[in-house]
Amino acid sequence: ACTSATHKPPRTREHNVSDAPFRTTPVMASAAHWKNWIYRTERRHWHAFWCRWSPDGEITTQFKAERIFEPLESGDGCRMQVVYHYGDERGTVSEGPTSGPWTMTAEECATEAGIVHPSSKQMTTLVLPGGPGAWCFPDAKVGQPCAVELFLHHGESLRMSAGIIHAPDGSLKQLALIREDTRGWPSAGWSESV
């Protein structure tokens, strides 16, 4: 037998999460992300400059857009719309599968995995207090595409997101940077450099 004062007996079992004093339930996780979703109670009209790059670093597209969030009268949801302003023959696009409008409510969108956006139900949004978060595939699988968009806020007027898309074979497909300002565009806080 060991008589050393520093000897520690070997662990006889793995740490069990149920031993923890607090556990998160699926309902709590659902409620936490939904509670952090600022657009259910706050109006925002983001004016944006979008840039996308190929894997070799070449700019593939750049355009202006608007992401508009309007709280519902119930105070617990929002209507979202994206308006794209292309500099080519497409012109302004304000309706369709990538524009909405969409209505987002807790009943329809809050899940234990995060907030599911109506435009892409296989992706989920994870939200931190104050608005930063990520829109991502919660269960990336080999042989399927994978994407994430990370959102960061700076005060009430500025936000940026960085997006990354991988092809089903795992290779990089696209990088994106979206700079947004609630005060309009051109932005006092962002440049249009690519």
C-alpha atoms as a PDB file:
ATOM      1  CA  ALA A   1       0.000   0.000   0.000  1.00  0.00           C
ATOM      2  CA  CYS A   2       1.118   3.492  -0.735  1.00  0.00           C
ATOM      3  CA  THR A   3       1.542   5.757   2.259  1.00  0.00           C
ATOM      4  CA  SER A   4       2.557   8.921   0.392  1.00  0.00           C
ATOM      5  CA  ALA A   5       0.488  11.993   1.268  1.00  0.00           C
ATOM      6  CA  THR A   6       0.477  12.994  -2.402  1.00  0.00           C
ATOM      7  CA  HIS A   7      -0.877   9.718  -3.677  1.00  0.00           C
ATOM      8  CA  LYS A   8      -4.306   9.937  -5.276  1.00  0.00           C
ATOM      9  CA  PRO A   9      -6.386   6.839  -5.797  1.00  0.00           C
ATOM     10  CA  PRO A  10      -7.136   5.968  -9.418  1.00  0.00           C
ATOM     11  CA  ARG A  11     -10.470   7.086 -10.833  1.00  0.00           C
ATOM     12  CA  THR A  12     -12.891   4.254 -10.726  1.00  0.00           C
ATOM     13  CA  ARG A  13     -15.535   5.799 -12.985  1.00  0.00           C
ATOM     14  CA  GLU A  14     -15.857   8.486 -15.605  1.00  0.00           C
ATOM     15  CA  HIS A  15     -17.365  11.829 -14.683  1.00  0.00           C
ATOM     16  CA  ASN A  16     -21.107  11.591 -15.043  1.00  0.00           C
ATOM     17  CA  VAL A  17     -22.927  14.715 -16.241  1.00  0.00           C
ATOM     18  CA  SER A  18     -25.811  13.793 -13.973  1.00  0.00           C
ATOM     19  CA  ASP A  19     -23.453  14.426 -11.002  1.00  0.00           C
ATOM     20  CA  ALA A  20     -23.305  18.096 -11.983  1.00  0.00           C
ATOM     21  CA  PRO A  21     -25.450  20.441  -9.895  1.00  0.00           C
ATOM     22  CA  PHE A  22     -27.115  21.937 -13.011  1.00  0.00           C
ATOM     23  CA  ARG A  23     -28.164  20.389 -16.304  1.00  0.00           C
ATOM     24  CA  THR A  24     -29.512  22.054 -19.409  1.00  0.00           C
ATOM     25  CA  THR A  25     -32.678  20.492 -20.761  1.00  0.00           C
ATOM     26  CA  PRO A  26     -33.788  20.699 -24.424  1.00  0.00           C
ATOM     27  CA  VAL A  27     -36.502  23.189 -23.453  1.00  0.00           C
ATOM     28  CA  MET A  28     -33.950  25.385 -21.667  1.00  0.00           C
ATOM     29  CA  ALA A  29     -31.559  25.281 -24.643  1.00  0.00           C
ATOM     30  CA  SER A  30     -34.378  26.204 -27.001  1.00  0.00           C
ATOM     31  CA  ALA A  31     -35.464  29.070 -24.773  1.00  0.00           C
ATOM     32  CA  ALA A  32     -31.906  30.378 -24.317  1.00  0.00           C
ATOM     33  CA  HIS A  33     -31.186  30.818 -28.034  1.00  0.00           C
ATOM     34  CA  TRP A  34     -34.636  32.278 -28.663  1.00  0.00           C
ATOM     35  CA  LYS A  35     -34.244  34.709 -25.730  1.00  0.00           C
ATOM     36  CA  ASN A  36     -30.908  35.878 -27.187  1.00  0.00           C
ATOM     37  CA  TRP A  37     -32.494  36.447 -30.638  1.00  0.00           C
ATOM     38  CA  ILE A  38     -32.648  40.277 -30.431  1.00  0.00           C
ATOM     39  CA  TYR A  39     -34.801  40.621 -33.546  1.00  0.00           C
ATOM     40  CA  ARG A  40     -37.874  39.170 -31.845  1.00  0.00           C
ATOM     41  CA  THR A  41     -38.138  42.461 -29.915  1.00  0.00           C
ATOM     42  CA  GLU A  42     -35.852  44.940 -31.720  1.00  0.00           C
ATOM     43  CA  ARG A  43     -36.160  46.363 -35.223  1.00  0.00           C
ATOM     44  CA  ARG A  44     -33.014  46.401 -37.346  1.00  0.00           C
ATOM     45  CA  HIS A  45     -32.486  47.439 -40.946  1.00  0.00           C
ATOM     46  CA  TRP A  46     -28.969  46.402 -41.906  1.00  0.00           C
ATOM     47  CA  HIS A  47     -27.494  48.012 -45.051  1.00  0.00           C
ATOM     48  CA  ALA A  48     -24.744  45.729 -46.280  1.00  0.00           C
ATOM     49  CA  PHE A  49     -21.835  45.275 -48.638  1.00  0.00           C
ATOM     50  CA  TRP A  50     -21.315  41.591 -49.540  1.00  0.00           C
ATOM     51  CA  CYS A  51     -18.084  40.169 -50.985  1.00  0.00           C
ATOM     52  CA  ARG A  52     -17.435  36.556 -51.975  1.00  0.00           C
ATOM     53  CA  TRP A  53     -14.103  34.946 -52.861  1.00  0.00           C
ATOM     54  CA  SER A  54     -13.133  31.709 -54.559  1.00  0.00           C
ATOM     55  CA  PRO A  55     -10.753  29.270 -52.809  1.00  0.00           C
ATOM     56  CA  ASP A  56      -7.817  30.780 -54.713  1.00  0.00           C
ATOM     57  CA  GLY A  57      -8.544  34.264 -53.342  1.00  0.00           C
ATOM     58  CA  GLU A  58     -10.190  35.782 -56.426  1.00  0.00           C
ATOM     59  CA  ILE A  59     -13.211  38.003 -55.808  1.00  0.00           C
ATOM     60  CA  THR A  60     -16.202  36.316 -57.446  1.00  0.00           C
ATOM     61  CA  THR A  61     -18.956  38.777 -56.611  1.00  0.00           C
ATOM     62  CA  GLN A  62     -19.706  41.911 -54.658  1.00  0.00           C
ATOM     63  CA  PHE A  63     -23.041  43.649 -54.203  1.00  0.00           C
ATOM     64  CA  LYS A  64     -25.140  45.671 -51.787  1.00  0.00           C
ATOM     65  CA  ALA A  65     -28.026  44.199 -49.812  1.00  0.00           C
ATOM     66  CA  GLU A  66     -30.384  44.907 -46.940  1.00  0.00           C
ATOM     67  CA  ARG A  67     -31.381  42.546 -44.128  1.00  0.00           C
ATOM     68  CA  ILE A  68     -34.559  43.817 -42.494  1.00  0.00           C
ATOM     69  CA  PHE A  69     -35.929  42.523 -39.187  1.00  0.00           C
ATOM     70  CA  GLU A  70     -39.337  43.723 -37.935  1.00  0.00           C
ATOM     71  CA  PRO A  71     -40.632  42.446 -34.562  1.00  0.00           C
ATOM     72  CA  LEU A  72     -44.106  40.908 -34.610  1.00  0.00           C
ATOM     73  CA  GLU A  73     -46.884  42.634 -32.667  1.00  0.00           C
ATOM     74  CA  SER A  74     -46.884  39.680 -30.258  1.00  0.00           C
ATOM     75  CA  GLY A  75     -43.392  40.756 -29.149  1.00  0.00           C
ATOM     76  CA  ASP A  76     -42.001  37.261 -29.540  1.00  0.00           C
ATOM     77  CA  GLY A  77     -40.977  36.836 -33.158  1.00  0.00           C
ATOM     78  CA  CYS A  78     -40.040  38.751 -36.271  1.00  0.00           C
ATOM     79  CA  ARG A  79     -40.566  39.153 -39.967  1.00  0.00           C
ATOM     80  CA  MET A  80     -37.306  39.028 -41.938  1.00  0.00           C
ATOM     81  CA  GLN A  81     -36.588  40.034 -45.502  1.00  0.00           C
ATOM     82  CA  VAL A  82     -33.398  40.303 -47.552  1.00  0.00           C
ATOM     83  CA  VAL A  83     -33.228  42.711 -50.491  1.00  0.00           C
ATOM     84  CA  TYR A  84     -30.300  42.256 -52.911  1.00  0.00           C
ATOM     85  CA  HIS A  85     -29.024  45.129 -55.070  1.00  0.00           C
ATOM     86  CA  TYR A  86     -26.958  43.617 -57.872  1.00  0.00           C
ATOM     87  CA  GLY A  87     -24.995  45.735 -60.313  1.00  0.00           C
ATOM     88  CA  ASP A  88     -25.905  43.474 -63.251  1.00  0.00           C
ATOM     89  CA  GLU A  89     -29.034  42.394 -65.140  1.00  0.00           C
ATOM     90  CA  ARG A  90     -30.585  40.959 -61.944  1.00  0.00           C
ATOM     91  CA  GLY A  91     -31.034  44.466 -60.528  1.00  0.00           C
ATOM     92  CA  THR A  92     -32.932  44.528 -57.220  1.00  0.00           C
ATOM     93  CA  VAL A  93     -34.268  41.190 -55.933  1.00  0.00           C
ATOM     94  CA  SER A  94     -36.668  41.375 -52.983  1.00  0.00           C
ATOM     95  CA  GLU A  95     -38.706  38.169 -53.228  1.00  0.00           C
ATOM     96  CA  GLY A  96     -37.920  34.496 -53.573  1.00  0.00           C
ATOM     97  CA  PRO A  97     -36.200  31.670 -51.719  1.00  0.00           C
ATOM     98  CA  THR A  98     -33.175  33.764 -50.670  1.00  0.00           C
ATOM     99  CA  SER A  99     -35.145  36.968 -49.965  1.00  0.00           C
ATOM    100  CA  GLY A 100     -38.255  35.926 -48.074  1.00  0.00           C
ATOM    101  CA  PRO A 101     -40.077  37.480 -46.440  1.00  0.00           C
ATOM    102  CA  TRP A 102     -40.108  34.954 -43.616  1.00  0.00           C
ATOM    103  CA  THR A 103     -41.989  34.991 -40.338  1.00  0.00           C
ATOM    104  CA  MET A 104     -39.991  33.599 -37.439  1.00  0.00           C
ATOM    105  CA  THR A 105     -41.753  32.551 -34.230  1.00  0.00           C
ATOM    106  CA  ALA A 106     -40.664  30.480 -31.247  1.00  0.00           C
ATOM    107  CA  GLU A 107     -43.203  27.819 -32.127  1.00  0.00           C
ATOM    108  CA  GLU A 108     -41.854  27.423 -35.675  1.00  0.00           C
ATOM    109  CA  CYS A 109     -38.144  28.196 -35.247  1.00  0.00           C
ATOM    110  CA  ALA A 110     -36.901  27.579 -31.683  1.00  0.00           C
ATOM    111  CA  THR A 111     -35.443  24.088 -31.285  1.00  0.00           C
ATOM    112  CA  GLU A 112     -33.158  22.445 -28.756  1.00  0.00           C
ATOM    113  CA  ALA A 113     -30.344  22.739 -31.332  1.00  0.00           C
ATOM    114  CA  GLY A 114     -30.847  26.492 -31.839  1.00  0.00           C
ATOM    115  CA  ILE A 115     -33.009  28.652 -34.078  1.00  0.00           C
ATOM    116  CA  VAL A 116     -33.981  27.107 -37.405  1.00  0.00           C
ATOM    117  CA  HIS A 117     -34.323  29.629 -40.224  1.00  0.00           C
ATOM    118  CA  PRO A 118     -37.269  29.031 -42.589  1.00  0.00           C
ATOM    119  CA  SER A 119     -35.017  29.387 -45.665  1.00  0.00           C
ATOM    120  CA  SER A 120     -32.714  26.528 -44.669  1.00  0.00           C
ATOM    121  CA  LYS A 121     -34.130  24.070 -42.159  1.00  0.00           C
ATOM    122  CA  GLN A 122     -30.986  21.904 -42.169  1.00  0.00           C
ATOM    123  CA  MET A 123     -29.017  24.800 -40.642  1.00  0.00           C
ATOM    124  CA  THR A 124     -29.401  26.291 -37.177  1.00  0.00           C
ATOM    125  CA  THR A 125     -28.552  29.623 -35.572  1.00  0.00           C
ATOM    126  CA  LEU A 126     -26.766  29.687 -32.230  1.00  0.00           C
ATOM    127  CA  VAL A 127     -27.117  33.077 -30.520  1.00  0.00           C
ATOM    128  CA  LEU A 128     -25.171  34.681 -27.682  1.00  0.00           C
ATOM    129  CA  PRO A 129     -26.506  37.554 -25.553  1.00  0.00           C
ATOM    130  CA  GLY A 130     -26.482  40.836 -27.509  1.00  0.00           C
ATOM    131  CA  GLY A 131     -26.773  39.288 -30.961  1.00  0.00           C
ATOM    132  CA  PRO A 132     -23.465  37.643 -31.944  1.00  0.00           C
ATOM    133  CA  GLY A 133     -23.808  34.091 -33.108  1.00  0.00           C
ATOM    134  CA  ALA A 134     -23.382  31.532 -35.854  1.00  0.00           C
ATOM    135  CA  TRP A 135     -25.610  30.078 -38.563  1.00  0.00           C
ATOM    136  CA  CYS A 136     -24.312  26.591 -39.266  1.00  0.00           C
ATOM    137  CA  PHE A 137     -24.909  22.937 -40.033  1.00  0.00           C
ATOM    138  CA  PRO A 138     -25.310  21.370 -36.588  1.00  0.00           C
ATOM    139  CA  ASP A 139     -24.368  17.909 -37.833  1.00  0.00           C
ATOM    140  CA  ALA A 140     -21.729  18.062 -40.571  1.00  0.00           C
ATOM    141  CA  LYS A 141     -21.354  14.744 -42.347  1.00  0.00           C
ATOM    142  CA  VAL A 142     -18.679  13.395 -44.663  1.00  0.00           C
ATOM    143  CA  GLY A 143     -19.833  13.651 -48.257  1.00  0.00           C
ATOM    144  CA  GLN A 144     -22.198  16.570 -47.658  1.00  0.00           C
ATOM    145  CA  PRO A 145     -21.589  20.310 -48.047  1.00  0.00           C
ATOM    146  CA  CYS A 146     -20.898  22.279 -44.886  1.00  0.00           C
ATOM    147  CA  ALA A 147     -21.336  25.993 -44.204  1.00  0.00           C
ATOM    148  CA  VAL A 148     -21.121  28.496 -41.364  1.00  0.00           C
ATOM    149  CA  GLU A 149     -21.738  32.235 -41.076  1.00  0.00           C
ATOM    150  CA  LEU A 150     -20.324  33.904 -37.953  1.00  0.00           C
ATOM    151  CA  PHE A 151     -21.938  37.181 -36.816  1.00  0.00           C
ATOM    152  CA  LEU A 152     -20.160  39.805 -34.712  1.00  0.00           C
ATOM    153  CA  HIS A 153     -21.694  43.079 -33.510  1.00  0.00           C
ATOM    154  CA  HIS A 154     -19.931  46.340 -32.669  1.00  0.00           C
ATOM    155  CA  GLY A 155     -22.324  48.633 -30.836  1.00  0.00           C
ATOM    156  CA  GLU A 156     -25.843  49.220 -32.118  1.00  0.00           C
ATOM    157  CA  SER A 157     -24.926  50.224 -35.680  1.00  0.00           C
ATOM    158  CA  LEU A 158     -22.228  47.884 -36.958  1.00  0.00           C
ATOM    159  CA  ARG A 159     -22.227  44.180 -37.621  1.00  0.00           C
ATOM    160  CA  MET A 160     -20.123  41.869 -39.766  1.00  0.00           C
ATOM    161  CA  SER A 161     -20.325  38.279 -40.753  1.00  0.00           C
ATOM    162  CA  ALA A 162     -17.815  35.889 -42.221  1.00  0.00           C
ATOM    163  CA  GLY A 163     -19.075  32.901 -44.158  1.00  0.00           C
ATOM    164  CA  ILE A 164     -17.287  29.727 -45.179  1.00  0.00           C
ATOM    165  CA  ILE A 165     -18.656  26.994 -47.453  1.00  0.00           C
ATOM    166  CA  HIS A 166     -17.025  23.608 -47.994  1.00  0.00           C
ATOM    167  CA  ALA A 167     -17.953  21.256 -50.849  1.00  0.00           C
ATOM    168  CA  PRO A 168     -19.102  17.651 -50.169  1.00  0.00           C
ATOM    169  CA  ASP A 169     -15.517  16.435 -50.714  1.00  0.00           C
ATOM    170  CA  GLY A 170     -14.325  18.761 -47.918  1.00  0.00           C
ATOM    171  CA  SER A 171     -12.588  21.246 -50.205  1.00  0.00           C
ATOM    172  CA  LEU A 172     -13.069  24.961 -49.688  1.00  0.00           C
ATOM    173  CA  LYS A 173     -15.764  26.287 -52.010  1.00  0.00           C
ATOM    174  CA  GLN A 174     -16.312  29.931 -50.994  1.00  0.00           C
ATOM    175  CA  LEU A 175     -15.389  32.625 -48.475  1.00  0.00           C
ATOM    176  CA  ALA A 176     -17.634  35.617 -47.803  1.00  0.00           C
ATOM    177  CA  LEU A 177     -17.471  38.841 -45.810  1.00  0.00           C
ATOM    178  CA  ILE A 178     -20.579  40.907 -45.166  1.00  0.00           C
ATOM    179  CA  ARG A 179     -20.205  44.370 -43.631  1.00  0.00           C
ATOM    180  CA  GLU A 180     -23.426  45.889 -42.271  1.00  0.00           C
ATOM    181  CA  ASP A 181     -24.450  49.289 -40.913  1.00  0.00           C
ATOM    182  CA  THR A 182     -27.899  50.328 -39.637  1.00  0.00           C
ATOM    183  CA  ARG A 183     -27.178  53.976 -40.547  1.00  0.00           C
ATOM    184  CA  GLY A 184     -27.170  53.270 -44.296  1.00  0.00           C
ATOM    185  CA  TRP A 185     -24.577  52.908 -47.017  1.00  0.00           C
ATOM    186  CA  PRO A 186     -21.992  54.193 -47.678  1.00  0.00           C
ATOM    187  CA  SER A 187     -21.063  53.282 -44.133  1.00  0.00           C
ATOM    188  CA  ALA A 188     -19.353  55.527 -41.621  1.00  0.00           C
ATOM    189  CA  GLY A 189     -17.838  52.412 -40.051  1.00  0.00           C
ATOM    190  CA  TRP A 190     -16.939  50.149 -42.996  1.00  0.00           C
ATOM    191  CA  SER A 191     -15.028  50.584 -46.235  1.00  0.00           C
ATOM    192  CA  GLU A 192     -15.832  48.945 -49.564  1.00  0.00           C
ATOM    193  CA  SER A 193     -12.326  47.596 -50.061  1.00  0.00           C
ATOM    194  CA  VAL A 194     -12.143  43.988 -51.180  1.00  0.00           C
END
